[in-house]
Amino acid sequence: MTHIVPRLLSLCRSPRKTDIPMWLLVGLGNPGDKYAGNRHNVGFMAIDSIADEYGIGPFKAKYQGQLAEGRIGDHKVALLKPETFMNESGRSVGAAAKFYKIPPERIVAFHDELDLAPAKIRVKTGGGNAGHNGLRSLDAHLGTPDYVRVRLGIGHPGDKDRVHGYVLSDFAKVEREWLGPYLEAIADHLPLLLDGKENDFMSKVAQAVPVKE
């Protein structure tokens, strides 16, 4: 009979931290120093800010990208920066999601958004890709658009013919004045997003980086 007691105790224990489902936090961008400061790479910048804030790292080459695992509060996370270039981001994300068995609703993609003013932020799940090639690739390789997107406003150059050069150019000096606080606020308040408090997350970031309309 004595062997029954330890078994009963193990059944009564609260779930181990290792049982908590993992999040896959993905930054979209292009690899290499040439692109590091580009507006198109603000997703990579967000992931680096998150890694710095929570001491996650080092990044290692895995799943056609740079990946690091860690914790944000009670949440187990994997941070991923695909190295397949923007248009093929889904190859890396799909491989990581398959290995870790992460469902789409626990995948968060941080990406640049032309249709939002600089330093604005919006969170949405699913929907169209609005012509964003990185999102289009994720849709294809995940087999669904129903993952979480964190849309990071970079503004629009005003002319569609200037978009390509605009997103592949570095943030201007004046933009960098809000960029640092913006990325810090995203990292600081990320636990709200992971706890399902999307509106609180967006509000806190907006309060930290007020934008003139």
N, C-alpha and C. Protein backbone atom coordinates (compact mmCIF):
# COMPACT_ATOMS: atom_id res chain seq x y z
N MET A 1 0.83 -1.22 0.00
CA MET A 1 0.00 0.00 0.00
C MET A 1 0.86 1.27 0.00
N THR A 2 2.07 1.21 0.58
CA THR A 2 2.88 2.42 0.72
C THR A 2 3.24 3.03 -0.63
N HIS A 3 3.33 2.17 -1.68
CA HIS A 3 3.72 2.71 -2.97
C HIS A 3 2.62 3.56 -3.60
N ILE A 4 1.39 3.46 -3.06
CA ILE A 4 0.26 4.21 -3.61
C ILE A 4 0.36 5.69 -3.22
N VAL A 5 0.89 5.98 -2.01
CA VAL A 5 0.91 7.35 -1.50
C VAL A 5 1.71 8.29 -2.41
N PRO A 6 2.96 7.94 -2.78
CA PRO A 6 3.69 8.85 -3.66
C PRO A 6 2.97 9.10 -4.98
N ARG A 7 2.31 8.06 -5.51
CA ARG A 7 1.60 8.21 -6.78
C ARG A 7 0.43 9.18 -6.63
N LEU A 8 -0.32 9.07 -5.50
CA LEU A 8 -1.43 9.98 -5.26
C LEU A 8 -0.94 11.41 -5.10
N LEU A 9 0.20 11.58 -4.42
CA LEU A 9 0.74 12.91 -4.24
C LEU A 9 1.13 13.54 -5.57
N SER A 10 1.70 12.72 -6.46
CA SER A 10 2.12 13.24 -7.76
C SER A 10 0.93 13.67 -8.59
N LEU A 11 -0.20 12.97 -8.43
CA LEU A 11 -1.40 13.32 -9.19
C LEU A 11 -2.02 14.62 -8.69
N CYS A 12 -1.79 14.92 -7.40
CA CYS A 12 -2.39 16.11 -6.80
C CYS A 12 -1.56 17.37 -7.00
N ARG A 13 -0.32 17.21 -7.45
CA ARG A 13 0.53 18.39 -7.64
C ARG A 13 -0.02 19.28 -8.75
N SER A 14 0.25 20.57 -8.62
CA SER A 14 -0.12 21.51 -9.69
C SER A 14 0.74 21.22 -10.90
N PRO A 15 0.28 21.62 -12.10
CA PRO A 15 1.04 21.36 -13.31
C PRO A 15 2.43 21.96 -13.24
N ARG A 16 3.42 21.21 -13.75
CA ARG A 16 4.78 21.71 -13.78
C ARG A 16 4.90 22.83 -14.81
N LYS A 17 5.89 23.69 -14.62
CA LYS A 17 6.09 24.77 -15.58
C LYS A 17 6.38 24.23 -16.97
N THR A 18 6.98 23.03 -17.02
CA THR A 18 7.28 22.45 -18.32
C THR A 18 6.01 22.06 -19.06
N ASP A 19 4.88 22.01 -18.37
CA ASP A 19 3.61 21.66 -19.01
C ASP A 19 2.92 22.87 -19.63
N ILE A 20 3.43 24.07 -19.36
CA ILE A 20 2.80 25.28 -19.88
C ILE A 20 3.08 25.36 -21.38
N PRO A 21 2.06 25.54 -22.21
CA PRO A 21 2.28 25.63 -23.66
C PRO A 21 3.23 26.77 -24.01
N MET A 22 4.06 26.54 -25.00
CA MET A 22 5.04 27.53 -25.43
C MET A 22 4.43 28.53 -26.40
N TRP A 23 4.97 29.74 -26.37
CA TRP A 23 4.67 30.76 -27.36
C TRP A 23 5.83 30.82 -28.35
N LEU A 24 5.52 31.06 -29.61
CA LEU A 24 6.54 31.33 -30.62
C LEU A 24 6.41 32.79 -31.03
N LEU A 25 7.39 33.59 -30.64
CA LEU A 25 7.39 35.03 -30.94
C LEU A 25 8.35 35.26 -32.10
N VAL A 26 7.81 35.74 -33.21
CA VAL A 26 8.56 35.84 -34.45
C VAL A 26 8.71 37.30 -34.87
N GLY A 27 9.91 37.69 -35.20
CA GLY A 27 10.13 38.99 -35.81
C GLY A 27 10.36 38.81 -37.29
N LEU A 28 9.71 39.62 -38.11
CA LEU A 28 9.90 39.52 -39.56
C LEU A 28 10.90 40.59 -40.01
N GLY A 29 11.81 40.17 -40.89
CA GLY A 29 12.83 41.08 -41.39
C GLY A 29 13.76 40.36 -42.34
N ASN A 30 14.83 41.04 -42.70
CA ASN A 30 15.85 40.47 -43.58
C ASN A 30 17.16 40.32 -42.81
N PRO A 31 17.89 39.23 -43.01
CA PRO A 31 19.14 39.01 -42.27
C PRO A 31 20.30 39.83 -42.84
N GLY A 32 21.28 40.09 -41.99
CA GLY A 32 22.50 40.75 -42.44
C GLY A 32 22.58 42.22 -42.05
N ASP A 33 23.81 42.69 -41.93
CA ASP A 33 24.06 44.07 -41.51
C ASP A 33 23.47 45.09 -42.48
N LYS A 34 23.43 44.72 -43.76
CA LYS A 34 22.91 45.63 -44.79
C LYS A 34 21.49 46.09 -44.49
N TYR A 35 20.71 45.21 -43.87
CA TYR A 35 19.29 45.49 -43.64
C TYR A 35 18.96 45.82 -42.18
N ALA A 36 19.95 45.73 -41.31
CA ALA A 36 19.69 45.76 -39.86
C ALA A 36 18.90 46.98 -39.40
N GLY A 37 19.18 48.15 -39.98
CA GLY A 37 18.51 49.38 -39.55
C GLY A 37 17.30 49.77 -40.37
N ASN A 38 16.91 48.91 -41.33
CA ASN A 38 15.78 49.21 -42.21
C ASN A 38 14.45 49.26 -41.47
N ARG A 39 13.53 50.06 -41.97
CA ARG A 39 12.17 50.08 -41.43
C ARG A 39 11.52 48.69 -41.53
N HIS A 40 11.83 47.98 -42.61
CA HIS A 40 11.28 46.64 -42.84
C HIS A 40 11.72 45.66 -41.74
N ASN A 41 12.77 46.00 -41.01
CA ASN A 41 13.33 45.11 -39.99
C ASN A 41 12.88 45.43 -38.58
N VAL A 42 11.85 46.25 -38.44
CA VAL A 42 11.42 46.63 -37.09
C VAL A 42 10.93 45.40 -36.31
N GLY A 43 10.49 44.36 -36.99
CA GLY A 43 10.10 43.12 -36.31
C GLY A 43 11.30 42.45 -35.64
N PHE A 44 12.44 42.41 -36.34
CA PHE A 44 13.67 41.89 -35.74
C PHE A 44 14.05 42.73 -34.52
N MET A 45 13.93 44.06 -34.67
CA MET A 45 14.29 44.96 -33.56
C MET A 45 13.43 44.70 -32.34
N ALA A 46 12.14 44.42 -32.55
CA ALA A 46 11.25 44.12 -31.42
C ALA A 46 11.69 42.85 -30.71
N ILE A 47 12.05 41.83 -31.47
CA ILE A 47 12.50 40.58 -30.86
C ILE A 47 13.78 40.79 -30.07
N ASP A 48 14.72 41.57 -30.61
CA ASP A 48 15.96 41.86 -29.88
C ASP A 48 15.67 42.61 -28.59
N SER A 49 14.72 43.53 -28.63
CA SER A 49 14.35 44.29 -27.43
C SER A 49 13.76 43.36 -26.38
N ILE A 50 12.92 42.44 -26.81
CA ILE A 50 12.32 41.47 -25.88
C ILE A 50 13.40 40.58 -25.27
N ALA A 51 14.32 40.12 -26.09
CA ALA A 51 15.41 39.27 -25.59
C ALA A 51 16.24 40.01 -24.55
N ASP A 52 16.53 41.28 -24.81
CA ASP A 52 17.32 42.09 -23.86
C ASP A 52 16.56 42.30 -22.55
N GLU A 53 15.27 42.60 -22.65
CA GLU A 53 14.47 42.91 -21.46
C GLU A 53 14.37 41.72 -20.52
N TYR A 54 14.26 40.51 -21.07
CA TYR A 54 14.02 39.32 -20.24
C TYR A 54 15.23 38.38 -20.16
N GLY A 55 16.37 38.84 -20.64
CA GLY A 55 17.59 38.05 -20.54
C GLY A 55 17.52 36.72 -21.28
N ILE A 56 16.88 36.73 -22.44
CA ILE A 56 16.73 35.50 -23.22
C ILE A 56 17.85 35.42 -24.25
N GLY A 57 18.51 34.29 -24.30
CA GLY A 57 19.59 34.11 -25.26
C GLY A 57 20.61 33.12 -24.72
N PRO A 58 21.65 32.87 -25.49
CA PRO A 58 21.96 33.47 -26.79
C PRO A 58 21.12 32.87 -27.91
N PHE A 59 21.06 33.58 -29.03
CA PHE A 59 20.39 33.05 -30.21
C PHE A 59 21.31 32.03 -30.88
N LYS A 60 20.71 30.98 -31.40
CA LYS A 60 21.46 29.95 -32.11
C LYS A 60 20.80 29.65 -33.45
N ALA A 61 21.59 29.23 -34.40
CA ALA A 61 21.08 28.93 -35.73
C ALA A 61 20.23 27.66 -35.71
N LYS A 62 18.92 27.82 -35.89
CA LYS A 62 17.99 26.69 -35.92
C LYS A 62 16.81 27.05 -36.82
N TYR A 63 16.26 26.04 -37.47
CA TYR A 63 15.02 26.19 -38.26
C TYR A 63 15.13 27.34 -39.26
N GLN A 64 16.28 27.40 -39.92
CA GLN A 64 16.54 28.42 -40.94
C GLN A 64 16.39 29.84 -40.38
N GLY A 65 16.77 29.98 -39.13
CA GLY A 65 16.69 31.29 -38.49
C GLY A 65 17.58 31.34 -37.26
N GLN A 66 17.45 32.41 -36.50
CA GLN A 66 18.12 32.55 -35.21
C GLN A 66 17.07 32.40 -34.12
N LEU A 67 17.29 31.45 -33.22
CA LEU A 67 16.28 31.11 -32.21
C LEU A 67 16.88 31.10 -30.81
N ALA A 68 16.08 31.58 -29.86
CA ALA A 68 16.47 31.54 -28.45
C ALA A 68 15.24 31.19 -27.62
N GLU A 69 15.44 30.42 -26.56
CA GLU A 69 14.34 30.02 -25.68
C GLU A 69 14.50 30.66 -24.32
N GLY A 70 13.38 30.93 -23.67
CA GLY A 70 13.43 31.49 -22.33
C GLY A 70 12.04 31.61 -21.73
N ARG A 71 11.93 32.46 -20.70
CA ARG A 71 10.64 32.65 -20.03
C ARG A 71 10.34 34.14 -19.88
N ILE A 72 9.08 34.46 -20.00
CA ILE A 72 8.58 35.79 -19.70
C ILE A 72 7.49 35.58 -18.66
N GLY A 73 7.81 35.82 -17.41
CA GLY A 73 6.89 35.47 -16.32
C GLY A 73 6.69 33.97 -16.30
N ASP A 74 5.44 33.54 -16.31
CA ASP A 74 5.13 32.11 -16.32
C ASP A 74 5.08 31.53 -17.73
N HIS A 75 5.33 32.36 -18.71
CA HIS A 75 5.20 31.91 -20.10
C HIS A 75 6.54 31.42 -20.65
N LYS A 76 6.54 30.23 -21.20
CA LYS A 76 7.70 29.72 -21.90
C LYS A 76 7.63 30.21 -23.34
N VAL A 77 8.73 30.78 -23.82
CA VAL A 77 8.72 31.38 -25.15
C VAL A 77 9.92 30.93 -25.97
N ALA A 78 9.73 30.93 -27.27
CA ALA A 78 10.83 30.81 -28.22
C ALA A 78 10.81 32.07 -29.07
N LEU A 79 11.94 32.73 -29.18
CA LEU A 79 12.07 33.92 -30.01
C LEU A 79 12.76 33.52 -31.31
N LEU A 80 12.20 33.95 -32.44
CA LEU A 80 12.72 33.52 -33.74
C LEU A 80 12.86 34.70 -34.69
N LYS A 81 14.04 34.77 -35.32
CA LYS A 81 14.27 35.73 -36.40
C LYS A 81 14.64 34.92 -37.64
N PRO A 82 13.70 34.71 -38.55
CA PRO A 82 13.98 33.91 -39.75
C PRO A 82 15.13 34.51 -40.57
N GLU A 83 15.95 33.64 -41.14
CA GLU A 83 17.06 34.08 -41.99
C GLU A 83 16.84 33.71 -43.45
N THR A 84 15.59 33.50 -43.79
CA THR A 84 15.22 33.09 -45.15
C THR A 84 14.91 34.30 -46.04
N PHE A 85 15.10 35.50 -45.52
CA PHE A 85 14.66 36.75 -46.11
C PHE A 85 13.15 36.85 -46.00
N MET A 86 12.67 38.08 -46.00
CA MET A 86 11.28 38.39 -45.67
C MET A 86 10.29 37.54 -46.46
N ASN A 87 10.49 37.44 -47.76
CA ASN A 87 9.49 36.79 -48.61
C ASN A 87 9.34 35.30 -48.37
N GLU A 88 10.30 34.69 -47.65
CA GLU A 88 10.24 33.26 -47.36
C GLU A 88 10.21 32.99 -45.85
N SER A 89 9.77 33.97 -45.09
CA SER A 89 9.76 33.85 -43.63
C SER A 89 9.02 32.60 -43.14
N GLY A 90 7.97 32.21 -43.85
CA GLY A 90 7.15 31.09 -43.42
C GLY A 90 7.89 29.77 -43.37
N ARG A 91 8.92 29.62 -44.18
CA ARG A 91 9.69 28.37 -44.14
C ARG A 91 10.30 28.16 -42.76
N SER A 92 10.88 29.20 -42.21
CA SER A 92 11.49 29.14 -40.89
C SER A 92 10.44 28.99 -39.79
N VAL A 93 9.40 29.81 -39.86
CA VAL A 93 8.36 29.78 -38.84
C VAL A 93 7.63 28.43 -38.85
N GLY A 94 7.33 27.93 -40.04
CA GLY A 94 6.65 26.64 -40.14
C GLY A 94 7.48 25.51 -39.55
N ALA A 95 8.79 25.53 -39.80
CA ALA A 95 9.67 24.48 -39.28
C ALA A 95 9.72 24.52 -37.75
N ALA A 96 9.84 25.73 -37.19
CA ALA A 96 9.90 25.85 -35.72
C ALA A 96 8.57 25.45 -35.09
N ALA A 97 7.47 25.90 -35.67
CA ALA A 97 6.14 25.57 -35.13
C ALA A 97 5.90 24.06 -35.17
N LYS A 98 6.34 23.43 -36.23
CA LYS A 98 6.16 21.98 -36.35
C LYS A 98 6.98 21.24 -35.30
N PHE A 99 8.22 21.67 -35.09
CA PHE A 99 9.09 20.99 -34.12
C PHE A 99 8.53 21.11 -32.71
N TYR A 100 8.11 22.33 -32.33
CA TYR A 100 7.64 22.56 -30.97
C TYR A 100 6.15 22.26 -30.79
N LYS A 101 5.50 21.88 -31.90
CA LYS A 101 4.05 21.59 -31.86
C LYS A 101 3.26 22.78 -31.32
N ILE A 102 3.54 23.96 -31.86
CA ILE A 102 2.89 25.19 -31.43
C ILE A 102 1.74 25.51 -32.36
N PRO A 103 0.52 25.63 -31.84
CA PRO A 103 -0.63 25.94 -32.69
C PRO A 103 -0.61 27.41 -33.13
N PRO A 104 -1.29 27.74 -34.21
CA PRO A 104 -1.26 29.11 -34.74
C PRO A 104 -1.64 30.19 -33.72
N GLU A 105 -2.58 29.88 -32.83
CA GLU A 105 -3.02 30.91 -31.87
C GLU A 105 -1.95 31.25 -30.84
N ARG A 106 -0.86 30.51 -30.81
CA ARG A 106 0.24 30.82 -29.90
C ARG A 106 1.49 31.26 -30.66
N ILE A 107 1.29 31.66 -31.90
CA ILE A 107 2.36 32.25 -32.71
C ILE A 107 2.07 33.74 -32.85
N VAL A 108 3.05 34.56 -32.50
CA VAL A 108 2.90 36.02 -32.59
C VAL A 108 3.94 36.56 -33.56
N ALA A 109 3.49 37.21 -34.62
CA ALA A 109 4.39 37.78 -35.62
C ALA A 109 4.45 39.29 -35.46
N PHE A 110 5.64 39.81 -35.23
CA PHE A 110 5.88 41.25 -35.13
C PHE A 110 6.36 41.74 -36.50
N HIS A 111 5.64 42.69 -37.10
CA HIS A 111 5.99 43.11 -38.45
C HIS A 111 5.72 44.59 -38.68
N ASP A 112 6.41 45.14 -39.67
CA ASP A 112 6.23 46.54 -40.04
C ASP A 112 4.88 46.73 -40.71
N GLU A 113 4.27 47.89 -40.48
CA GLU A 113 2.95 48.17 -41.04
C GLU A 113 2.92 49.58 -41.63
N LEU A 114 2.84 49.64 -42.96
CA LEU A 114 2.79 50.91 -43.67
C LEU A 114 1.53 51.71 -43.37
N ASP A 115 0.44 51.01 -43.11
CA ASP A 115 -0.85 51.68 -42.95
C ASP A 115 -1.11 52.16 -41.53
N LEU A 116 -0.09 52.16 -40.70
CA LEU A 116 -0.19 52.75 -39.36
C LEU A 116 0.84 53.85 -39.24
N ALA A 117 0.47 54.92 -38.57
CA ALA A 117 1.40 56.01 -38.34
C ALA A 117 2.60 55.52 -37.53
N PRO A 118 3.75 56.17 -37.70
CA PRO A 118 4.92 55.77 -36.92
C PRO A 118 4.63 55.71 -35.42
N ALA A 119 5.11 54.62 -34.79
CA ALA A 119 4.97 54.37 -33.35
C ALA A 119 3.58 53.95 -32.91
N LYS A 120 2.65 53.86 -33.86
CA LYS A 120 1.36 53.27 -33.52
C LYS A 120 1.52 51.75 -33.45
N ILE A 121 0.59 51.07 -32.77
CA ILE A 121 0.66 49.62 -32.66
C ILE A 121 -0.76 49.07 -32.65
N ARG A 122 -0.95 47.95 -33.32
CA ARG A 122 -2.23 47.27 -33.34
C ARG A 122 -1.99 45.76 -33.26
N VAL A 123 -2.87 45.09 -32.56
CA VAL A 123 -2.80 43.63 -32.46
C VAL A 123 -4.05 43.04 -33.10
N LYS A 124 -3.88 42.04 -33.92
CA LYS A 124 -5.03 41.37 -34.52
C LYS A 124 -4.68 39.90 -34.72
N THR A 125 -5.71 39.07 -34.79
CA THR A 125 -5.54 37.65 -35.09
C THR A 125 -6.24 37.36 -36.41
N GLY A 126 -5.52 36.73 -37.32
CA GLY A 126 -6.10 36.38 -38.61
C GLY A 126 -6.28 37.59 -39.51
N GLY A 127 -7.01 37.38 -40.60
CA GLY A 127 -7.25 38.44 -41.56
C GLY A 127 -6.32 38.35 -42.75
N GLY A 128 -6.40 39.35 -43.61
CA GLY A 128 -5.58 39.37 -44.81
C GLY A 128 -4.15 39.80 -44.53
N ASN A 129 -3.32 39.75 -45.58
CA ASN A 129 -1.91 40.12 -45.39
C ASN A 129 -1.60 41.52 -45.91
N ALA A 130 -2.59 42.19 -46.53
CA ALA A 130 -2.43 43.57 -47.02
C ALA A 130 -1.20 43.74 -47.90
N GLY A 131 -0.85 42.69 -48.64
CA GLY A 131 0.29 42.77 -49.54
C GLY A 131 1.64 42.60 -48.89
N HIS A 132 1.66 42.27 -47.59
CA HIS A 132 2.93 42.06 -46.88
C HIS A 132 3.45 40.66 -47.21
N ASN A 133 4.60 40.59 -47.88
CA ASN A 133 5.10 39.30 -48.35
C ASN A 133 5.52 38.36 -47.23
N GLY A 134 5.95 38.92 -46.12
CA GLY A 134 6.30 38.08 -44.98
C GLY A 134 5.07 37.37 -44.43
N LEU A 135 3.98 38.11 -44.27
CA LEU A 135 2.73 37.52 -43.78
C LEU A 135 2.18 36.51 -44.80
N ARG A 136 2.29 36.84 -46.08
CA ARG A 136 1.82 35.93 -47.11
C ARG A 136 2.54 34.58 -47.00
N SER A 137 3.84 34.62 -46.74
CA SER A 137 4.62 33.40 -46.59
C SER A 137 4.21 32.62 -45.34
N LEU A 138 3.96 33.33 -44.24
CA LEU A 138 3.49 32.66 -43.02
C LEU A 138 2.15 31.96 -43.27
N ASP A 139 1.24 32.67 -43.93
CA ASP A 139 -0.07 32.08 -44.24
C ASP A 139 0.10 30.76 -44.98
N ALA A 140 0.99 30.76 -45.97
CA ALA A 140 1.18 29.59 -46.82
C ALA A 140 1.79 28.43 -46.06
N HIS A 141 2.81 28.69 -45.25
CA HIS A 141 3.54 27.61 -44.59
C HIS A 141 2.86 27.13 -43.31
N LEU A 142 2.06 27.98 -42.68
CA LEU A 142 1.30 27.54 -41.51
C LEU A 142 -0.03 26.94 -41.92
N GLY A 143 -0.44 27.20 -43.15
CA GLY A 143 -1.70 26.67 -43.65
C GLY A 143 -2.92 27.40 -43.13
N THR A 144 -2.71 28.55 -42.53
CA THR A 144 -3.80 29.34 -41.96
C THR A 144 -3.31 30.76 -41.70
N PRO A 145 -4.21 31.74 -41.76
CA PRO A 145 -3.84 33.10 -41.37
C PRO A 145 -4.14 33.39 -39.89
N ASP A 146 -4.59 32.38 -39.16
CA ASP A 146 -5.12 32.61 -37.82
C ASP A 146 -4.06 32.58 -36.72
N TYR A 147 -3.00 33.34 -36.93
CA TYR A 147 -1.99 33.56 -35.89
C TYR A 147 -2.10 35.03 -35.47
N VAL A 148 -1.42 35.39 -34.41
CA VAL A 148 -1.48 36.75 -33.88
C VAL A 148 -0.47 37.63 -34.61
N ARG A 149 -0.90 38.81 -35.01
CA ARG A 149 0.01 39.77 -35.64
C ARG A 149 0.11 41.02 -34.76
N VAL A 150 1.32 41.46 -34.51
CA VAL A 150 1.54 42.75 -33.85
C VAL A 150 2.05 43.69 -34.93
N ARG A 151 1.18 44.61 -35.32
CA ARG A 151 1.46 45.53 -36.44
C ARG A 151 2.18 46.76 -35.90
N LEU A 152 3.40 46.96 -36.36
CA LEU A 152 4.26 48.02 -35.86
C LEU A 152 4.30 49.16 -36.88
N GLY A 153 3.70 50.28 -36.54
CA GLY A 153 3.56 51.38 -37.48
C GLY A 153 4.87 52.01 -37.88
N ILE A 154 5.08 52.12 -39.20
CA ILE A 154 6.27 52.82 -39.72
C ILE A 154 5.85 53.99 -40.62
N GLY A 155 4.53 54.15 -40.84
CA GLY A 155 4.06 55.21 -41.71
C GLY A 155 4.24 54.87 -43.18
N HIS A 156 3.65 55.69 -44.03
CA HIS A 156 3.66 55.47 -45.48
C HIS A 156 4.36 56.64 -46.15
N PRO A 157 5.17 56.39 -47.17
CA PRO A 157 5.87 57.51 -47.83
C PRO A 157 4.95 58.41 -48.65
N GLY A 158 3.70 57.99 -48.84
CA GLY A 158 2.74 58.83 -49.54
C GLY A 158 2.55 58.50 -51.00
N ASP A 159 3.47 57.76 -51.57
CA ASP A 159 3.40 57.37 -52.98
C ASP A 159 3.75 55.90 -53.07
N LYS A 160 2.87 55.10 -53.67
CA LYS A 160 3.11 53.65 -53.72
C LYS A 160 4.39 53.30 -54.47
N ASP A 161 4.83 54.17 -55.38
CA ASP A 161 6.06 53.91 -56.12
C ASP A 161 7.30 54.07 -55.24
N ARG A 162 7.13 54.71 -54.09
CA ARG A 162 8.27 54.92 -53.18
C ARG A 162 8.32 53.88 -52.05
N VAL A 163 7.33 53.00 -51.99
CA VAL A 163 7.23 52.07 -50.87
C VAL A 163 8.45 51.16 -50.76
N HIS A 164 8.88 50.57 -51.88
CA HIS A 164 10.00 49.62 -51.84
C HIS A 164 11.25 50.26 -51.24
N GLY A 165 11.60 51.43 -51.75
CA GLY A 165 12.78 52.11 -51.23
C GLY A 165 12.61 52.56 -49.80
N TYR A 166 11.39 52.94 -49.45
CA TYR A 166 11.11 53.42 -48.09
C TYR A 166 11.30 52.33 -47.05
N VAL A 167 10.73 51.15 -47.28
CA VAL A 167 10.82 50.10 -46.27
C VAL A 167 12.23 49.53 -46.19
N LEU A 168 12.99 49.60 -47.30
CA LEU A 168 14.36 49.08 -47.30
C LEU A 168 15.40 50.16 -47.03
N SER A 169 14.95 51.27 -46.46
CA SER A 169 15.85 52.33 -45.99
C SER A 169 15.85 52.34 -44.47
N ASP A 170 16.95 52.84 -43.90
CA ASP A 170 17.05 52.92 -42.45
C ASP A 170 16.11 53.98 -41.88
N PHE A 171 15.72 53.78 -40.64
CA PHE A 171 14.98 54.82 -39.93
C PHE A 171 15.82 56.10 -39.90
N ALA A 172 15.17 57.21 -40.16
CA ALA A 172 15.86 58.51 -40.13
C ALA A 172 16.19 58.89 -38.68
N LYS A 173 17.10 59.85 -38.53
CA LYS A 173 17.52 60.26 -37.20
C LYS A 173 16.34 60.71 -36.34
N VAL A 174 15.43 61.48 -36.93
CA VAL A 174 14.29 61.97 -36.17
C VAL A 174 13.37 60.83 -35.76
N GLU A 175 13.29 59.78 -36.57
CA GLU A 175 12.46 58.63 -36.22
C GLU A 175 13.07 57.83 -35.08
N ARG A 176 14.37 57.81 -35.01
CA ARG A 176 15.03 57.04 -33.95
C ARG A 176 14.76 57.62 -32.56
N GLU A 177 14.28 58.87 -32.52
CA GLU A 177 13.94 59.48 -31.23
C GLU A 177 12.75 58.77 -30.59
N TRP A 178 11.80 58.28 -31.40
CA TRP A 178 10.67 57.52 -30.83
C TRP A 178 10.90 56.02 -30.90
N LEU A 179 11.78 55.56 -31.79
CA LEU A 179 11.94 54.12 -32.00
C LEU A 179 12.43 53.39 -30.75
N GLY A 180 13.44 53.95 -30.08
CA GLY A 180 13.97 53.29 -28.89
C GLY A 180 12.93 53.12 -27.80
N PRO A 181 12.26 54.22 -27.38
CA PRO A 181 11.21 54.10 -26.36
C PRO A 181 10.07 53.17 -26.79
N TYR A 182 9.75 53.18 -28.08
CA TYR A 182 8.70 52.32 -28.63
C TYR A 182 9.04 50.85 -28.44
N LEU A 183 10.25 50.47 -28.82
CA LEU A 183 10.67 49.07 -28.70
C LEU A 183 10.76 48.65 -27.23
N GLU A 184 11.22 49.57 -26.39
CA GLU A 184 11.30 49.28 -24.95
C GLU A 184 9.91 49.06 -24.37
N ALA A 185 8.95 49.87 -24.78
CA ALA A 185 7.58 49.74 -24.27
C ALA A 185 6.95 48.43 -24.71
N ILE A 186 7.21 48.03 -25.94
CA ILE A 186 6.69 46.75 -26.43
C ILE A 186 7.20 45.61 -25.56
N ALA A 187 8.50 45.63 -25.27
CA ALA A 187 9.09 44.57 -24.43
C ALA A 187 8.55 44.65 -23.00
N ASP A 188 8.52 45.85 -22.44
CA ASP A 188 8.08 46.02 -21.05
C ASP A 188 6.67 45.47 -20.82
N HIS A 189 5.77 45.74 -21.76
CA HIS A 189 4.36 45.42 -21.56
C HIS A 189 3.93 44.13 -22.25
N LEU A 190 4.88 43.40 -22.82
CA LEU A 190 4.55 42.15 -23.52
C LEU A 190 3.79 41.14 -22.65
N PRO A 191 4.08 41.04 -21.34
CA PRO A 191 3.31 40.08 -20.53
C PRO A 191 1.80 40.28 -20.63
N LEU A 192 1.35 41.51 -20.80
CA LEU A 192 -0.09 41.75 -20.96
C LEU A 192 -0.63 41.04 -22.19
N LEU A 193 0.11 41.10 -23.28
CA LEU A 193 -0.32 40.43 -24.50
C LEU A 193 -0.38 38.92 -24.30
N LEU A 194 0.65 38.37 -23.67
CA LEU A 194 0.69 36.92 -23.46
C LEU A 194 -0.39 36.46 -22.48
N ASP A 195 -0.85 37.36 -21.64
CA ASP A 195 -1.93 37.04 -20.70
C ASP A 195 -3.32 37.24 -21.32
N GLY A 196 -3.34 37.58 -22.61
CA GLY A 196 -4.62 37.75 -23.29
C GLY A 196 -5.23 39.13 -23.16
N LYS A 197 -4.45 40.10 -22.66
CA LYS A 197 -4.95 41.47 -22.47
C LYS A 197 -4.44 42.37 -23.59
N GLU A 198 -4.91 42.12 -24.80
CA GLU A 198 -4.41 42.82 -25.97
C GLU A 198 -4.64 44.33 -25.89
N ASN A 199 -5.83 44.74 -25.47
CA ASN A 199 -6.15 46.16 -25.40
C ASN A 199 -5.28 46.88 -24.38
N ASP A 200 -5.04 46.24 -23.24
CA ASP A 200 -4.18 46.83 -22.22
C ASP A 200 -2.75 46.98 -22.76
N PHE A 201 -2.30 45.97 -23.48
CA PHE A 201 -0.96 46.01 -24.08
C PHE A 201 -0.84 47.20 -25.03
N MET A 202 -1.80 47.34 -25.92
CA MET A 202 -1.75 48.44 -26.88
C MET A 202 -1.83 49.79 -26.18
N SER A 203 -2.67 49.90 -25.16
CA SER A 203 -2.83 51.16 -24.43
C SER A 203 -1.54 51.57 -23.72
N LYS A 204 -0.88 50.60 -23.10
CA LYS A 204 0.36 50.89 -22.38
C LYS A 204 1.46 51.35 -23.32
N VAL A 205 1.56 50.71 -24.49
CA VAL A 205 2.57 51.13 -25.45
C VAL A 205 2.25 52.53 -25.95
N ALA A 206 0.98 52.79 -26.23
CA ALA A 206 0.58 54.11 -26.72
C ALA A 206 0.87 55.20 -25.69
N GLN A 207 0.64 54.91 -24.40
CA GLN A 207 0.90 55.87 -23.35
C GLN A 207 2.40 56.16 -23.20
N ALA A 208 3.20 55.13 -23.45
CA ALA A 208 4.64 55.28 -23.29
C ALA A 208 5.27 56.09 -24.43
N VAL A 209 4.63 56.01 -25.61
CA VAL A 209 5.17 56.70 -26.79
C VAL A 209 4.05 57.48 -27.46
N PRO A 210 3.69 58.63 -26.91
CA PRO A 210 2.63 59.43 -27.53
C PRO A 210 3.04 59.90 -28.92
N VAL A 211 2.11 59.82 -29.85
CA VAL A 211 2.38 60.20 -31.24
C VAL A 211 1.50 61.37 -31.64
N LYS A 212 2.10 62.37 -32.23
CA LYS A 212 1.33 63.51 -32.73
C LYS A 212 0.63 63.11 -34.02
N GLU A 213 -0.66 63.35 -34.07
CA GLU A 213 -1.43 63.04 -35.27
C GLU A 213 -1.20 64.10 -36.36
